[in-house]
Amino acid sequence: MALTTSIETARFLSFVWGTKSIVTRDANDFDDMADIVCKTLLEKGYGKKNELTVITAGAPFHSSGRTNLLRIETL
């Protein structure tokens, strides 16, 4: 799953084998980002309650080419 705020990024990622892109709202901080991911995965049926998911992201937000965050969350 690739959650992004950019329709252009979602379209680009549609060409990456095995990747499902979803356009979401922008997150205010890391906790908000985790909430968006968990709620979206549950709503779209890509996970079940109490399953673990791994989130990768870049900090600071809105800086391309920086994947430097790994967070494990329970759906």
N, C-alpha and C. Protein backbone atom coordinates (compact mmCIF):
# COMPACT_ATOMS: atom_id res chain seq x y z
N MET A 1 0.84 -1.16 0.00
CA MET A 1 0.00 0.00 0.00
C MET A 1 0.90 1.23 0.00
N ALA A 2 0.51 2.19 -0.78
CA ALA A 2 1.22 3.46 -0.82
C ALA A 2 0.19 4.57 -0.64
N LEU A 3 0.20 5.19 0.53
CA LEU A 3 -0.72 6.30 0.79
C LEU A 3 0.02 7.59 0.53
N THR A 4 -0.60 8.46 -0.22
CA THR A 4 0.02 9.72 -0.61
C THR A 4 -1.03 10.81 -0.71
N THR A 5 -0.58 12.04 -0.58
CA THR A 5 -1.49 13.17 -0.75
C THR A 5 -1.49 13.66 -2.19
N SER A 6 -0.62 13.11 -3.00
CA SER A 6 -0.42 13.58 -4.37
C SER A 6 -1.04 12.61 -5.38
N ILE A 7 -1.96 13.10 -6.19
CA ILE A 7 -2.55 12.28 -7.24
C ILE A 7 -1.49 11.88 -8.27
N GLU A 8 -0.53 12.77 -8.52
CA GLU A 8 0.54 12.46 -9.47
C GLU A 8 1.39 11.30 -8.96
N THR A 9 1.73 11.30 -7.67
CA THR A 9 2.51 10.21 -7.09
C THR A 9 1.72 8.91 -7.13
N ALA A 10 0.43 8.98 -6.81
CA ALA A 10 -0.41 7.78 -6.86
C ALA A 10 -0.45 7.20 -8.27
N ARG A 11 -0.56 8.05 -9.27
CA ARG A 11 -0.58 7.58 -10.65
C ARG A 11 0.76 6.94 -11.03
N PHE A 12 1.86 7.57 -10.64
CA PHE A 12 3.18 7.02 -10.92
C PHE A 12 3.34 5.65 -10.27
N LEU A 13 2.91 5.53 -9.01
CA LEU A 13 3.07 4.27 -8.29
C LEU A 13 2.16 3.16 -8.81
N SER A 14 1.15 3.52 -9.59
CA SER A 14 0.28 2.50 -10.16
C SER A 14 1.04 1.62 -11.15
N PHE A 15 2.20 2.08 -11.61
CA PHE A 15 3.03 1.30 -12.51
C PHE A 15 4.01 0.39 -11.78
N VAL A 16 4.09 0.50 -10.48
CA VAL A 16 5.00 -0.34 -9.69
C VAL A 16 4.26 -1.63 -9.34
N TRP A 17 4.81 -2.75 -9.76
CA TRP A 17 4.16 -4.03 -9.57
C TRP A 17 3.88 -4.30 -8.09
N GLY A 18 2.66 -4.71 -7.81
CA GLY A 18 2.28 -5.09 -6.46
C GLY A 18 1.92 -3.93 -5.54
N THR A 19 1.90 -2.73 -6.07
CA THR A 19 1.62 -1.55 -5.24
C THR A 19 0.21 -1.04 -5.52
N LYS A 20 -0.53 -0.81 -4.46
CA LYS A 20 -1.86 -0.21 -4.54
C LYS A 20 -1.75 1.19 -3.94
N SER A 21 -2.07 2.20 -4.69
CA SER A 21 -1.96 3.59 -4.23
C SER A 21 -3.31 4.13 -3.80
N ILE A 22 -3.30 4.88 -2.72
CA ILE A 22 -4.50 5.53 -2.22
C ILE A 22 -4.15 6.98 -1.90
N VAL A 23 -4.97 7.90 -2.41
CA VAL A 23 -4.77 9.32 -2.12
C VAL A 23 -5.53 9.64 -0.83
N THR A 24 -4.82 10.26 0.12
CA THR A 24 -5.40 10.61 1.42
C THR A 24 -5.17 12.09 1.71
N ARG A 25 -5.76 12.53 2.80
CA ARG A 25 -5.51 13.91 3.23
C ARG A 25 -4.11 14.00 3.83
N ASP A 26 -3.60 15.21 3.95
CA ASP A 26 -2.28 15.45 4.51
C ASP A 26 -2.30 15.29 6.02
N ALA A 27 -1.24 14.75 6.57
CA ALA A 27 -1.12 14.56 8.02
C ALA A 27 -0.51 15.79 8.67
N ASN A 28 -0.93 16.04 9.91
CA ASN A 28 -0.38 17.17 10.67
C ASN A 28 0.91 16.81 11.38
N ASP A 29 1.02 15.55 11.80
CA ASP A 29 2.21 15.08 12.52
C ASP A 29 2.27 13.56 12.39
N PHE A 30 3.24 12.93 13.05
CA PHE A 30 3.42 11.49 12.91
C PHE A 30 2.26 10.69 13.47
N ASP A 31 1.69 11.13 14.59
CA ASP A 31 0.54 10.42 15.16
C ASP A 31 -0.66 10.50 14.23
N ASP A 32 -0.88 11.66 13.65
CA ASP A 32 -1.98 11.84 12.70
C ASP A 32 -1.75 10.95 11.48
N MET A 33 -0.51 10.86 11.01
CA MET A 33 -0.17 10.02 9.87
C MET A 33 -0.50 8.57 10.18
N ALA A 34 -0.14 8.09 11.36
CA ALA A 34 -0.43 6.71 11.74
C ALA A 34 -1.93 6.47 11.80
N ASP A 35 -2.68 7.43 12.32
CA ASP A 35 -4.15 7.31 12.37
C ASP A 35 -4.74 7.22 10.97
N ILE A 36 -4.26 8.06 10.06
CA ILE A 36 -4.75 8.04 8.67
C ILE A 36 -4.49 6.68 8.04
N VAL A 37 -3.27 6.17 8.21
CA VAL A 37 -2.91 4.88 7.62
C VAL A 37 -3.80 3.78 8.18
N CYS A 38 -3.91 3.68 9.49
CA CYS A 38 -4.69 2.60 10.10
C CYS A 38 -6.16 2.67 9.72
N LYS A 39 -6.75 3.85 9.77
CA LYS A 39 -8.16 3.99 9.42
C LYS A 39 -8.40 3.67 7.95
N THR A 40 -7.51 4.12 7.08
CA THR A 40 -7.66 3.86 5.65
C THR A 40 -7.55 2.38 5.34
N LEU A 41 -6.57 1.71 5.91
CA LEU A 41 -6.41 0.27 5.66
C LEU A 41 -7.63 -0.51 6.13
N LEU A 42 -8.16 -0.16 7.30
CA LEU A 42 -9.35 -0.84 7.80
C LEU A 42 -10.57 -0.55 6.93
N GLU A 43 -10.78 0.71 6.56
CA GLU A 43 -11.94 1.10 5.74
C GLU A 43 -11.92 0.43 4.37
N LYS A 44 -10.72 0.32 3.78
CA LYS A 44 -10.60 -0.25 2.44
C LYS A 44 -10.53 -1.77 2.45
N GLY A 45 -10.47 -2.36 3.64
CA GLY A 45 -10.44 -3.82 3.74
C GLY A 45 -9.07 -4.43 3.50
N TYR A 46 -8.01 -3.65 3.67
CA TYR A 46 -6.66 -4.17 3.47
C TYR A 46 -6.00 -4.64 4.77
N GLY A 47 -6.76 -4.68 5.83
CA GLY A 47 -6.27 -5.15 7.10
C GLY A 47 -7.43 -5.42 8.03
N LYS A 48 -7.14 -6.13 9.10
CA LYS A 48 -8.16 -6.45 10.09
C LYS A 48 -7.76 -5.84 11.42
N LYS A 49 -8.75 -5.59 12.25
CA LYS A 49 -8.51 -5.00 13.56
C LYS A 49 -7.51 -5.86 14.33
N ASN A 50 -6.59 -5.20 15.00
CA ASN A 50 -5.54 -5.80 15.83
C ASN A 50 -4.39 -6.42 15.05
N GLU A 51 -4.39 -6.32 13.71
CA GLU A 51 -3.23 -6.74 12.93
C GLU A 51 -2.16 -5.65 13.01
N LEU A 52 -0.91 -6.04 12.80
CA LEU A 52 0.17 -5.08 12.78
C LEU A 52 0.42 -4.60 11.36
N THR A 53 0.81 -3.35 11.23
CA THR A 53 1.22 -2.80 9.95
C THR A 53 2.50 -2.02 10.14
N VAL A 54 3.32 -2.00 9.12
CA VAL A 54 4.58 -1.27 9.16
C VAL A 54 4.44 -0.04 8.27
N ILE A 55 4.77 1.11 8.81
CA ILE A 55 4.66 2.37 8.09
C ILE A 55 6.07 2.90 7.85
N THR A 56 6.37 3.23 6.61
CA THR A 56 7.61 3.93 6.30
C THR A 56 7.25 5.31 5.79
N ALA A 57 8.05 6.28 6.17
CA ALA A 57 7.78 7.67 5.76
C ALA A 57 9.08 8.45 5.82
N GLY A 58 8.97 9.70 5.43
CA GLY A 58 10.12 10.58 5.47
C GLY A 58 9.88 11.77 6.36
N ALA A 59 10.91 12.14 7.09
CA ALA A 59 10.83 13.32 7.95
C ALA A 59 11.97 14.25 7.56
N PRO A 60 11.71 15.52 7.48
CA PRO A 60 10.44 16.19 7.70
C PRO A 60 9.48 15.93 6.55
N PHE A 61 8.18 16.11 6.82
CA PHE A 61 7.17 15.93 5.78
C PHE A 61 7.44 16.89 4.64
N HIS A 62 6.96 16.53 3.46
CA HIS A 62 7.04 17.35 2.24
C HIS A 62 8.47 17.50 1.72
N SER A 63 9.36 16.57 2.08
CA SER A 63 10.72 16.56 1.54
C SER A 63 10.90 15.25 0.81
N SER A 64 11.02 15.30 -0.50
CA SER A 64 11.13 14.07 -1.27
C SER A 64 12.50 13.42 -1.09
N GLY A 65 12.51 12.11 -1.26
CA GLY A 65 13.76 11.36 -1.19
C GLY A 65 14.26 11.08 0.21
N ARG A 66 13.42 11.23 1.21
CA ARG A 66 13.85 10.99 2.58
C ARG A 66 12.94 9.96 3.24
N THR A 67 13.27 8.71 3.11
CA THR A 67 12.54 7.68 3.85
C THR A 67 13.43 7.31 5.02
N ASN A 68 13.14 7.90 6.16
CA ASN A 68 14.00 7.70 7.32
C ASN A 68 13.21 7.38 8.59
N LEU A 69 11.98 6.91 8.41
CA LEU A 69 11.13 6.61 9.55
C LEU A 69 10.48 5.25 9.34
N LEU A 70 10.51 4.42 10.37
CA LEU A 70 9.84 3.14 10.37
C LEU A 70 9.02 3.08 11.64
N ARG A 71 7.72 2.81 11.49
CA ARG A 71 6.83 2.78 12.66
C ARG A 71 5.91 1.57 12.53
N ILE A 72 5.76 0.83 13.61
CA ILE A 72 4.87 -0.33 13.64
C ILE A 72 3.63 0.05 14.44
N GLU A 73 2.47 -0.14 13.81
CA GLU A 73 1.19 0.23 14.42
C GLU A 73 0.24 -0.96 14.43
N THR A 74 -0.66 -0.96 15.38
CA THR A 74 -1.73 -1.96 15.44
C THR A 74 -2.99 -1.34 14.84
N LEU A 75 -3.58 -2.06 13.90
CA LEU A 75 -4.81 -1.56 13.26
C LEU A 75 -5.97 -1.62 14.24
